[in-house]
Structure formats: C-alpha cells, structure tokens
C-alpha cells in the first residue's frame, strides 16, 4: 500500500462536488482540494477509473505517490497528522 496525495482544481461546482464525494470514500480530506489516500494498487486503479468518469479536459487532478522515504520527510504544521500506510512507522 502507498499513500497518495490527490489534489484537484475543478471550476465546475457540480463536478467538483462529485470528485470530492468520490475521494471521501477512498481517503481523508486534509485541505479543501487535497486528499490523503492509503491504497493498495488495485484500489488506486479503481479510484482513477472512477474519477475519469467525472473529469473534463479543463479540470486538473494530480496524484502524488509518496514512498516510505518521502513520507518520512513530510512536514505538517497544524491540522491532522499525515496518514500512515499499515506497517510504516515515522520516528
């Protein structure tokens, strides 16, 4: 499993709401248009397939996979701590 940081910029309110609702089923909202999702590869593919049904060419969605090495370097100021994939520990 990997932690994916998923961000979006969608101008249409209706599509933006559909994307946000869909992402809430896969991860945790950490900012208005940013989600952290801990997913096995098949769930990640499923999420991407489902999102494609709602996204238009003028929209922007970005998926950032975070490795264990990169995850250790994440800084969080305020808010909730970064989600951790099972079996990973940050010291």
PDB file of N, CA and C in Angstrom:
ATOM      1  N   UNK A   1       0.840  -1.181   0.000  1.00  0.00           N
ATOM      2  CA  UNK A   1       0.000   0.000   0.000  1.00  0.00           C
ATOM      3  C   UNK A   1       0.877   1.232   0.000  1.00  0.00           C
ATOM      4  N   UNK A   2       0.394   2.243  -0.687  1.00  0.00           N
ATOM      5  CA  UNK A   2       1.090   3.524  -0.735  1.00  0.00           C
ATOM      6  C   UNK A   2       0.152   4.631  -0.291  1.00  0.00           C
ATOM      7  N   UNK A   3       0.748   5.701   0.175  1.00  0.00           N
ATOM      8  CA  UNK A   3      -0.013   6.911   0.441  1.00  0.00           C
ATOM      9  C   UNK A   3       0.016   7.751  -0.822  1.00  0.00           C
ATOM     10  N   UNK A   4      -1.156   8.122  -1.303  1.00  0.00           N
ATOM     11  CA  UNK A   4      -1.283   9.000  -2.459  1.00  0.00           C
ATOM     12  C   UNK A   4      -1.844  10.326  -1.992  1.00  0.00           C
ATOM     13  N   UNK A   5      -1.192  11.385  -2.382  1.00  0.00           N
ATOM     14  CA  UNK A   5      -1.715  12.719  -2.179  1.00  0.00           C
ATOM     15  C   UNK A   5      -2.451  13.067  -3.472  1.00  0.00           C
ATOM     16  N   UNK A   6      -3.745  13.319  -3.375  1.00  0.00           N
ATOM     17  CA  UNK A   6      -4.565  13.602  -4.547  1.00  0.00           C
ATOM     18  C   UNK A   6      -5.068  15.035  -4.427  1.00  0.00           C
ATOM     19  N   UNK A   7      -4.772  15.835  -5.443  1.00  0.00           N
ATOM     20  CA  UNK A   7      -5.203  17.231  -5.457  1.00  0.00           C
ATOM     21  C   UNK A   7      -6.030  17.480  -6.704  1.00  0.00           C
ATOM     22  N   UNK A   8      -6.910  18.453  -6.616  1.00  0.00           N
ATOM     23  CA  UNK A   8      -7.711  18.782  -7.794  1.00  0.00           C
ATOM     24  C   UNK A   8      -8.014  20.266  -7.851  1.00  0.00           C
ATOM     25  N   UNK A   9      -8.239  20.732  -9.073  1.00  0.00           N
ATOM     26  CA  UNK A   9      -8.663  22.103  -9.342  1.00  0.00           C
ATOM     27  C   UNK A   9      -9.744  21.992 -10.415  1.00  0.00           C
ATOM     28  N   UNK A  10     -10.976  22.125  -9.999  1.00  0.00           N
ATOM     29  CA  UNK A  10     -12.121  21.945 -10.884  1.00  0.00           C
ATOM     30  C   UNK A  10     -13.033  23.153 -10.727  1.00  0.00           C
ATOM     31  N   UNK A  11     -13.266  23.867 -11.821  1.00  0.00           N
ATOM     32  CA  UNK A  11     -14.042  25.107 -11.739  1.00  0.00           C
ATOM     33  C   UNK A  11     -15.547  24.870 -11.630  1.00  0.00           C
ATOM     34  N   UNK A  12     -16.046  23.792 -12.178  1.00  0.00           N
ATOM     35  CA  UNK A  12     -17.481  23.491 -12.151  1.00  0.00           C
ATOM     36  C   UNK A  12     -17.871  22.919 -10.786  1.00  0.00           C
ATOM     37  N   UNK A  13     -18.753  23.610 -10.080  1.00  0.00           N
ATOM     38  CA  UNK A  13     -19.137  23.188  -8.732  1.00  0.00           C
ATOM     39  C   UNK A  13     -19.727  21.785  -8.701  1.00  0.00           C
ATOM     40  N   UNK A  14     -20.537  21.454  -9.681  1.00  0.00           N
ATOM     41  CA  UNK A  14     -21.181  20.139  -9.709  1.00  0.00           C
ATOM     42  C   UNK A  14     -20.138  19.023  -9.842  1.00  0.00           C
ATOM     43  N   UNK A  15     -19.198  19.167 -10.772  1.00  0.00           N
ATOM     44  CA  UNK A  15     -18.148  18.164 -10.940  1.00  0.00           C
ATOM     45  C   UNK A  15     -17.219  18.138  -9.728  1.00  0.00           C
ATOM     46  N   UNK A  16     -16.903  19.322  -9.197  1.00  0.00           N
ATOM     47  CA  UNK A  16     -16.009  19.401  -8.029  1.00  0.00           C
ATOM     48  C   UNK A  16     -16.618  18.641  -6.853  1.00  0.00           C
ATOM     49  N   UNK A  17     -17.918  18.782  -6.636  1.00  0.00           N
ATOM     50  CA  UNK A  17     -18.594  18.086  -5.540  1.00  0.00           C
ATOM     51  C   UNK A  17     -18.583  16.570  -5.767  1.00  0.00           C
ATOM     52  N   UNK A  18     -18.803  16.133  -7.003  1.00  0.00           N
ATOM     53  CA  UNK A  18     -18.774  14.703  -7.306  1.00  0.00           C
ATOM     54  C   UNK A  18     -17.390  14.122  -7.046  1.00  0.00           C
ATOM     55  N   UNK A  19     -16.365  14.841  -7.454  1.00  0.00           N
ATOM     56  CA  UNK A  19     -14.992  14.378  -7.245  1.00  0.00           C
ATOM     57  C   UNK A  19     -14.677  14.323  -5.753  1.00  0.00           C
ATOM     58  N   UNK A  20     -15.048  15.353  -5.011  1.00  0.00           N
ATOM     59  CA  UNK A  20     -14.789  15.378  -3.568  1.00  0.00           C
ATOM     60  C   UNK A  20     -15.523  14.235  -2.868  1.00  0.00           C
ATOM     61  N   UNK A  21     -16.774  14.003  -3.215  1.00  0.00           N
ATOM     62  CA  UNK A  21     -17.537  12.916  -2.600  1.00  0.00           C
ATOM     63  C   UNK A  21     -16.915  11.563  -2.912  1.00  0.00           C
ATOM     64  N   UNK A  22     -16.463  11.391  -4.136  1.00  0.00           N
ATOM     65  CA  UNK A  22     -15.820  10.144  -4.523  1.00  0.00           C
ATOM     66  C   UNK A  22     -14.526   9.942  -3.731  1.00  0.00           C
ATOM     67  N   UNK A  23     -13.716  10.978  -3.638  1.00  0.00           N
ATOM     68  CA  UNK A  23     -12.453  10.877  -2.906  1.00  0.00           C
ATOM     69  C   UNK A  23     -12.665  10.594  -1.424  1.00  0.00           C
ATOM     70  N   UNK A  24     -13.747  11.101  -0.851  1.00  0.00           N
ATOM     71  CA  UNK A  24     -14.017  10.846   0.572  1.00  0.00           C
ATOM     72  C   UNK A  24     -14.207   9.361   0.848  1.00  0.00           C
ATOM     73  N   UNK A  25     -14.604   8.600  -0.161  1.00  0.00           N
ATOM     74  CA  UNK A  25     -14.735   7.163   0.002  1.00  0.00           C
ATOM     75  C   UNK A  25     -13.414   6.417  -0.069  1.00  0.00           C
ATOM     76  N   UNK A  26     -12.345   7.110  -0.433  1.00  0.00           N
ATOM     77  CA  UNK A  26     -11.038   6.478  -0.592  1.00  0.00           C
ATOM     78  C   UNK A  26      -9.977   7.022   0.360  1.00  0.00           C
ATOM     79  N   UNK A  27     -10.230   8.160   0.961  1.00  0.00           N
ATOM     80  CA  UNK A  27      -9.203   8.744   1.806  1.00  0.00           C
ATOM     81  C   UNK A  27      -9.756   9.834   2.699  1.00  0.00           C
ATOM     82  N   UNK A  28      -8.854  10.660   3.175  1.00  0.00           N
ATOM     83  CA  UNK A  28      -9.213  11.708   4.137  1.00  0.00           C
ATOM     84  C   UNK A  28      -8.861  13.074   3.559  1.00  0.00           C
ATOM     85  N   UNK A  29      -9.825  13.981   3.625  1.00  0.00           N
ATOM     86  CA  UNK A  29      -9.592  15.354   3.173  1.00  0.00           C
ATOM     87  C   UNK A  29      -8.701  16.046   4.194  1.00  0.00           C
ATOM     88  N   UNK A  30      -7.595  16.643   3.709  1.00  0.00           N
ATOM     89  CA  UNK A  30      -6.689  17.364   4.596  1.00  0.00           C
ATOM     90  C   UNK A  30      -6.689  18.859   4.311  1.00  0.00           C
ATOM     91  N   UNK A  31      -7.136  19.239   3.131  1.00  0.00           N
ATOM     92  CA  UNK A  31      -7.378  20.634   2.777  1.00  0.00           C
ATOM     93  C   UNK A  31      -8.543  20.639   1.804  1.00  0.00           C
ATOM     94  N   UNK A  32      -9.014  21.809   1.429  1.00  0.00           N
ATOM     95  CA  UNK A  32     -10.228  21.888   0.622  1.00  0.00           C
ATOM     96  C   UNK A  32     -10.167  21.005  -0.618  1.00  0.00           C
ATOM     97  N   UNK A  33      -9.090  21.015  -1.344  1.00  0.00           N
ATOM     98  CA  UNK A  33      -8.999  20.216  -2.568  1.00  0.00           C
ATOM     99  C   UNK A  33      -7.807  19.261  -2.529  1.00  0.00           C
ATOM    100  N   UNK A  34      -7.499  18.749  -1.344  1.00  0.00           N
ATOM    101  CA  UNK A  34      -6.377  17.829  -1.157  1.00  0.00           C
ATOM    102  C   UNK A  34      -6.817  16.664  -0.274  1.00  0.00           C
ATOM    103  N   UNK A  35      -6.550  15.447  -0.764  1.00  0.00           N
ATOM    104  CA  UNK A  35      -6.882  14.236  -0.019  1.00  0.00           C
ATOM    105  C   UNK A  35      -5.644  13.375   0.147  1.00  0.00           C
ATOM    106  N   UNK A  36      -5.560  12.684   1.286  1.00  0.00           N
ATOM    107  CA  UNK A  36      -4.562  11.649   1.511  1.00  0.00           C
ATOM    108  C   UNK A  36      -5.291  10.308   1.447  1.00  0.00           C
ATOM    109  N   UNK A  37      -4.798   9.420   0.595  1.00  0.00           N
ATOM    110  CA  UNK A  37      -5.441   8.124   0.402  1.00  0.00           C
ATOM    111  C   UNK A  37      -4.406   7.019   0.525  1.00  0.00           C
ATOM    112  N   UNK A  38      -4.577   6.130   1.478  1.00  0.00           N
ATOM    113  CA  UNK A  38      -3.707   4.961   1.611  1.00  0.00           C
ATOM    114  C   UNK A  38      -4.404   3.832   0.871  1.00  0.00           C
ATOM    115  N   UNK A  39      -3.785   3.404  -0.241  1.00  0.00           N
ATOM    116  CA  UNK A  39      -4.463   2.459  -1.129  1.00  0.00           C
ATOM    117  C   UNK A  39      -3.538   1.365  -1.637  1.00  0.00           C
ATOM    118  N   UNK A  40      -4.068   0.136  -1.729  1.00  0.00           N
ATOM    119  CA  UNK A  40      -3.336  -0.885  -2.483  1.00  0.00           C
ATOM    120  C   UNK A  40      -3.469  -0.557  -3.969  1.00  0.00           C
ATOM    121  N   UNK A  41      -2.629  -1.141  -4.786  1.00  0.00           N
ATOM    122  CA  UNK A  41      -2.598  -0.773  -6.201  1.00  0.00           C
ATOM    123  C   UNK A  41      -3.937  -0.975  -6.907  1.00  0.00           C
ATOM    124  N   UNK A  42      -4.693  -2.025  -6.574  1.00  0.00           N
ATOM    125  CA  UNK A  42      -5.970  -2.239  -7.264  1.00  0.00           C
ATOM    126  C   UNK A  42      -6.993  -1.167  -6.898  1.00  0.00           C
ATOM    127  N   UNK A  43      -6.956  -0.664  -5.655  1.00  0.00           N
ATOM    128  CA  UNK A  43      -7.875   0.411  -5.253  1.00  0.00           C
ATOM    129  C   UNK A  43      -7.478   1.731  -5.905  1.00  0.00           C
ATOM    130  N   UNK A  44      -6.184   1.942  -6.063  1.00  0.00           N
ATOM    131  CA  UNK A  44      -5.706   3.145  -6.746  1.00  0.00           C
ATOM    132  C   UNK A  44      -6.195   3.148  -8.194  1.00  0.00           C
ATOM    133  N   UNK A  45      -6.070   2.020  -8.872  1.00  0.00           N
ATOM    134  CA  UNK A  45      -6.561   1.923 -10.257  1.00  0.00           C
ATOM    135  C   UNK A  45      -8.081   2.136 -10.306  1.00  0.00           C
ATOM    136  N   UNK A  46      -8.781   1.557  -9.354  1.00  0.00           N
ATOM    137  CA  UNK A  46     -10.242   1.727  -9.285  1.00  0.00           C
ATOM    138  C   UNK A  46     -10.605   3.202  -9.113  1.00  0.00           C
ATOM    139  N   UNK A  47      -9.920   3.891  -8.197  1.00  0.00           N
ATOM    140  CA  UNK A  47     -10.168   5.314  -7.970  1.00  0.00           C
ATOM    141  C   UNK A  47      -9.937   6.116  -9.251  1.00  0.00           C
ATOM    142  N   UNK A  48      -8.824   5.868  -9.920  1.00  0.00           N
ATOM    143  CA  UNK A  48      -8.521   6.588 -11.160  1.00  0.00           C
ATOM    144  C   UNK A  48      -9.599   6.342 -12.214  1.00  0.00           C
ATOM    145  N   UNK A  49     -10.032   5.098 -12.349  1.00  0.00           N
ATOM    146  CA  UNK A  49     -11.079   4.773 -13.326  1.00  0.00           C
ATOM    147  C   UNK A  49     -12.387   5.495 -12.995  1.00  0.00           C
ATOM    148  N   UNK A  50     -12.743   5.521 -11.732  1.00  0.00           N
ATOM    149  CA  UNK A  50     -13.990   6.172 -11.336  1.00  0.00           C
ATOM    150  C   UNK A  50     -13.910   7.693 -11.506  1.00  0.00           C
ATOM    151  N   UNK A  51     -12.747   8.272 -11.190  1.00  0.00           N
ATOM    152  CA  UNK A  51     -12.583   9.719 -11.349  1.00  0.00           C
ATOM    153  C   UNK A  51     -12.673  10.140 -12.810  1.00  0.00           C
ATOM    154  N   UNK A  52     -12.145   9.313 -13.706  1.00  0.00           N
ATOM    155  CA  UNK A  52     -12.166   9.660 -15.134  1.00  0.00           C
ATOM    156  C   UNK A  52     -13.578   9.915 -15.645  1.00  0.00           C
ATOM    157  N   UNK A  53     -14.567   9.311 -15.033  1.00  0.00           N
ATOM    158  CA  UNK A  53     -15.954   9.488 -15.452  1.00  0.00           C
ATOM    159  C   UNK A  53     -16.486  10.891 -15.153  1.00  0.00           C
ATOM    160  N   UNK A  54     -15.820  11.619 -14.265  1.00  0.00           N
ATOM    161  CA  UNK A  54     -16.312  12.926 -13.826  1.00  0.00           C
ATOM    162  C   UNK A  54     -15.438  14.097 -14.251  1.00  0.00           C
ATOM    163  N   UNK A  55     -14.269  13.817 -14.796  1.00  0.00           N
ATOM    164  CA  UNK A  55     -13.296  14.869 -15.085  1.00  0.00           C
ATOM    165  C   UNK A  55     -13.340  15.260 -16.558  1.00  0.00           C
ATOM    166  N   UNK A  56     -13.252  16.553 -16.801  1.00  0.00           N
ATOM    167  CA  UNK A  56     -13.215  17.110 -18.159  1.00  0.00           C
ATOM    168  C   UNK A  56     -11.793  17.597 -18.456  1.00  0.00           C
ATOM    169  N   UNK A  57     -11.468  17.816 -19.728  1.00  0.00           N
ATOM    170  CA  UNK A  57     -10.106  18.256 -20.092  1.00  0.00           C
ATOM    171  C   UNK A  57      -9.672  19.558 -19.403  1.00  0.00           C
ATOM    172  N   UNK A  58     -10.601  20.431 -19.080  1.00  0.00           N
ATOM    173  CA  UNK A  58     -10.236  21.699 -18.432  1.00  0.00           C
ATOM    174  C   UNK A  58      -9.962  21.543 -16.932  1.00  0.00           C
ATOM    175  N   UNK A  59     -10.256  20.382 -16.363  1.00  0.00           N
ATOM    176  CA  UNK A  59     -10.013  20.124 -14.941  1.00  0.00           C
ATOM    177  C   UNK A  59      -8.571  19.674 -14.732  1.00  0.00           C
ATOM    178  N   UNK A  60      -8.144  19.723 -13.493  1.00  0.00           N
ATOM    179  CA  UNK A  60      -6.808  19.258 -13.146  1.00  0.00           C
ATOM    180  C   UNK A  60      -6.895  18.377 -11.912  1.00  0.00           C
ATOM    181  N   UNK A  61      -6.411  17.150 -12.044  1.00  0.00           N
ATOM    182  CA  UNK A  61      -6.278  16.243 -10.902  1.00  0.00           C
ATOM    183  C   UNK A  61      -4.856  15.727 -10.918  1.00  0.00           C
ATOM    184  N   UNK A  62      -4.227  15.713  -9.749  1.00  0.00           N
ATOM    185  CA  UNK A  62      -2.854  15.236  -9.638  1.00  0.00           C
ATOM    186  C   UNK A  62      -2.779  14.157  -8.561  1.00  0.00           C
ATOM    187  N   UNK A  63      -2.008  13.125  -8.853  1.00  0.00           N
ATOM    188  CA  UNK A  63      -1.792  12.013  -7.935  1.00  0.00           C
ATOM    189  C   UNK A  63      -0.304  11.980  -7.600  1.00  0.00           C
ATOM    190  N   UNK A  64       0.014  12.114  -6.337  1.00  0.00           N
ATOM    191  CA  UNK A  64       1.408  12.066  -5.905  1.00  0.00           C
ATOM    192  C   UNK A  64       1.596  10.846  -5.000  1.00  0.00           C
ATOM    193  N   UNK A  65       2.232   9.781  -5.502  1.00  0.00           N
ATOM    194  CA  UNK A  65       2.529   8.646  -4.619  1.00  0.00           C
ATOM    195  C   UNK A  65       3.710   9.015  -3.719  1.00  0.00           C
ATOM    196  N   UNK A  66       3.585   8.697  -2.454  1.00  0.00           N
ATOM    197  CA  UNK A  66       4.653   9.011  -1.514  1.00  0.00           C
ATOM    198  C   UNK A  66       5.277   7.717  -1.008  1.00  0.00           C
ATOM    199  N   UNK A  67       6.546   7.544  -1.270  1.00  0.00           N
ATOM    200  CA  UNK A  67       7.273   6.368  -0.804  1.00  0.00           C
ATOM    201  C   UNK A  67       7.537   6.504   0.698  1.00  0.00           C
ATOM    202  N   UNK A  68       7.951   5.420   1.305  1.00  0.00           N
ATOM    203  CA  UNK A  68       8.282   5.458   2.734  1.00  0.00           C
ATOM    204  C   UNK A  68       9.377   6.490   2.995  1.00  0.00           C
ATOM    205  N   UNK A  69      10.348   6.570   2.086  1.00  0.00           N
ATOM    206  CA  UNK A  69      11.438   7.546   2.238  1.00  0.00           C
ATOM    207  C   UNK A  69      10.894   8.979   2.185  1.00  0.00           C
ATOM    208  N   UNK A  70      10.063   9.253   1.199  1.00  0.00           N
ATOM    209  CA  UNK A  70       9.492  10.593   1.050  1.00  0.00           C
ATOM    210  C   UNK A  70       8.544  10.919   2.197  1.00  0.00           C
ATOM    211  N   UNK A  71       7.783   9.934   2.612  1.00  0.00           N
ATOM    212  CA  UNK A  71       6.815  10.136   3.685  1.00  0.00           C
ATOM    213  C   UNK A  71       7.495  10.593   4.970  1.00  0.00           C
ATOM    214  N   UNK A  72       8.700  10.081   5.219  1.00  0.00           N
ATOM    215  CA  UNK A  72       9.441  10.493   6.429  1.00  0.00           C
ATOM    216  C   UNK A  72       9.829  11.962   6.385  1.00  0.00           C
ATOM    217  N   UNK A  73       9.833  12.567   5.208  1.00  0.00           N
ATOM    218  CA  UNK A  73      10.256  13.958   5.066  1.00  0.00           C
ATOM    219  C   UNK A  73       9.097  14.952   5.072  1.00  0.00           C
ATOM    220  N   UNK A  74       7.874  14.451   5.153  1.00  0.00           N
ATOM    221  CA  UNK A  74       6.707  15.330   5.138  1.00  0.00           C
ATOM    222  C   UNK A  74       6.651  16.134   6.430  1.00  0.00           C
ATOM    223  N   UNK A  75       6.440  17.422   6.298  1.00  0.00           N
ATOM    224  CA  UNK A  75       6.237  18.299   7.449  1.00  0.00           C
ATOM    225  C   UNK A  75       4.779  18.711   7.483  1.00  0.00           C
ATOM    226  N   UNK A  76       4.176  18.668   8.657  1.00  0.00           N
ATOM    227  CA  UNK A  76       2.785  19.091   8.823  1.00  0.00           C
ATOM    228  C   UNK A  76       2.768  20.164   9.904  1.00  0.00           C
ATOM    229  N   UNK A  77       2.232  21.309   9.577  1.00  0.00           N
ATOM    230  CA  UNK A  77       2.070  22.395  10.540  1.00  0.00           C
ATOM    231  C   UNK A  77       0.584  22.585  10.753  1.00  0.00           C
ATOM    232  N   UNK A  78       0.092  22.195  11.890  1.00  0.00           N
ATOM    233  CA  UNK A  78      -1.330  22.309  12.180  1.00  0.00           C
ATOM    234  C   UNK A  78      -2.115  21.191  11.511  1.00  0.00           C
ATOM    235  N   UNK A  79      -3.382  21.125  11.838  1.00  0.00           N
ATOM    236  CA  UNK A  79      -4.222  20.099  11.233  1.00  0.00           C
ATOM    237  C   UNK A  79      -3.919  18.717  11.779  1.00  0.00           C
ATOM    238  N   UNK A  80      -4.324  17.715  11.035  1.00  0.00           N
ATOM    239  CA  UNK A  80      -4.148  16.326  11.465  1.00  0.00           C
ATOM    240  C   UNK A  80      -2.843  15.753  10.921  1.00  0.00           C
ATOM    241  N   UNK A  81      -2.268  14.753  11.608  1.00  0.00           N
ATOM    242  CA  UNK A  81      -1.033  14.148  11.117  1.00  0.00           C
ATOM    243  C   UNK A  81      -1.251  13.435   9.788  1.00  0.00           C
ATOM    244  N   UNK A  82      -0.175  13.198   9.062  1.00  0.00           N
ATOM    245  CA  UNK A  82      -0.207  12.501   7.786  1.00  0.00           C
ATOM    246  C   UNK A  82      -0.666  11.060   8.008  1.00  0.00           C
ATOM    247  N   UNK A  83      -1.557  10.567   7.140  1.00  0.00           N
ATOM    248  CA  UNK A  83      -1.955   9.159   7.204  1.00  0.00           C
ATOM    249  C   UNK A  83      -0.739   8.281   6.975  1.00  0.00           C
ATOM    250  N   UNK A  84      -0.704   7.143   7.646  1.00  0.00           N
ATOM    251  CA  UNK A  84       0.417   6.226   7.505  1.00  0.00           C
ATOM    252  C   UNK A  84      -0.074   4.910   6.906  1.00  0.00           C
ATOM    253  N   UNK A  85       0.577   4.427   5.858  1.00  0.00           N
ATOM    254  CA  UNK A  85       0.242   3.097   5.371  1.00  0.00           C
ATOM    255  C   UNK A  85       0.508   2.065   6.469  1.00  0.00           C
ATOM    256  N   UNK A  86      -0.262   0.986   6.522  1.00  0.00           N
ATOM    257  CA  UNK A  86      -0.018  -0.043   7.532  1.00  0.00           C
ATOM    258  C   UNK A  86       1.419  -0.548   7.469  1.00  0.00           C
ATOM    259  N   UNK A  87       2.005  -0.750   8.632  1.00  0.00           N
ATOM    260  CA  UNK A  87       3.357  -1.280   8.673  1.00  0.00           C
ATOM    261  C   UNK A  87       4.441  -0.234   8.558  1.00  0.00           C
ATOM    262  N   UNK A  88       4.068   1.041   8.388  1.00  0.00           N
ATOM    263  CA  UNK A  88       5.095   2.080   8.322  1.00  0.00           C
ATOM    264  C   UNK A  88       5.122   2.857   9.614  1.00  0.00           C
ATOM    265  N   UNK A  89       6.303   3.248  10.001  1.00  0.00           N
ATOM    266  CA  UNK A  89       6.476   3.997  11.233  1.00  0.00           C
ATOM    267  C   UNK A  89       7.398   5.175  10.949  1.00  0.00           C
ATOM    268  N   UNK A  90       7.021   6.333  11.489  1.00  0.00           N
ATOM    269  CA  UNK A  90       7.894   7.503  11.384  1.00  0.00           C
ATOM    270  C   UNK A  90       8.393   7.834  12.774  1.00  0.00           C
ATOM    271  N   UNK A  91       9.695   7.948  12.910  1.00  0.00           N
ATOM    272  CA  UNK A  91      10.293   8.237  14.205  1.00  0.00           C
ATOM    273  C   UNK A  91      10.897   9.613  14.154  1.00  0.00           C
TER     274      UNK A  91
END
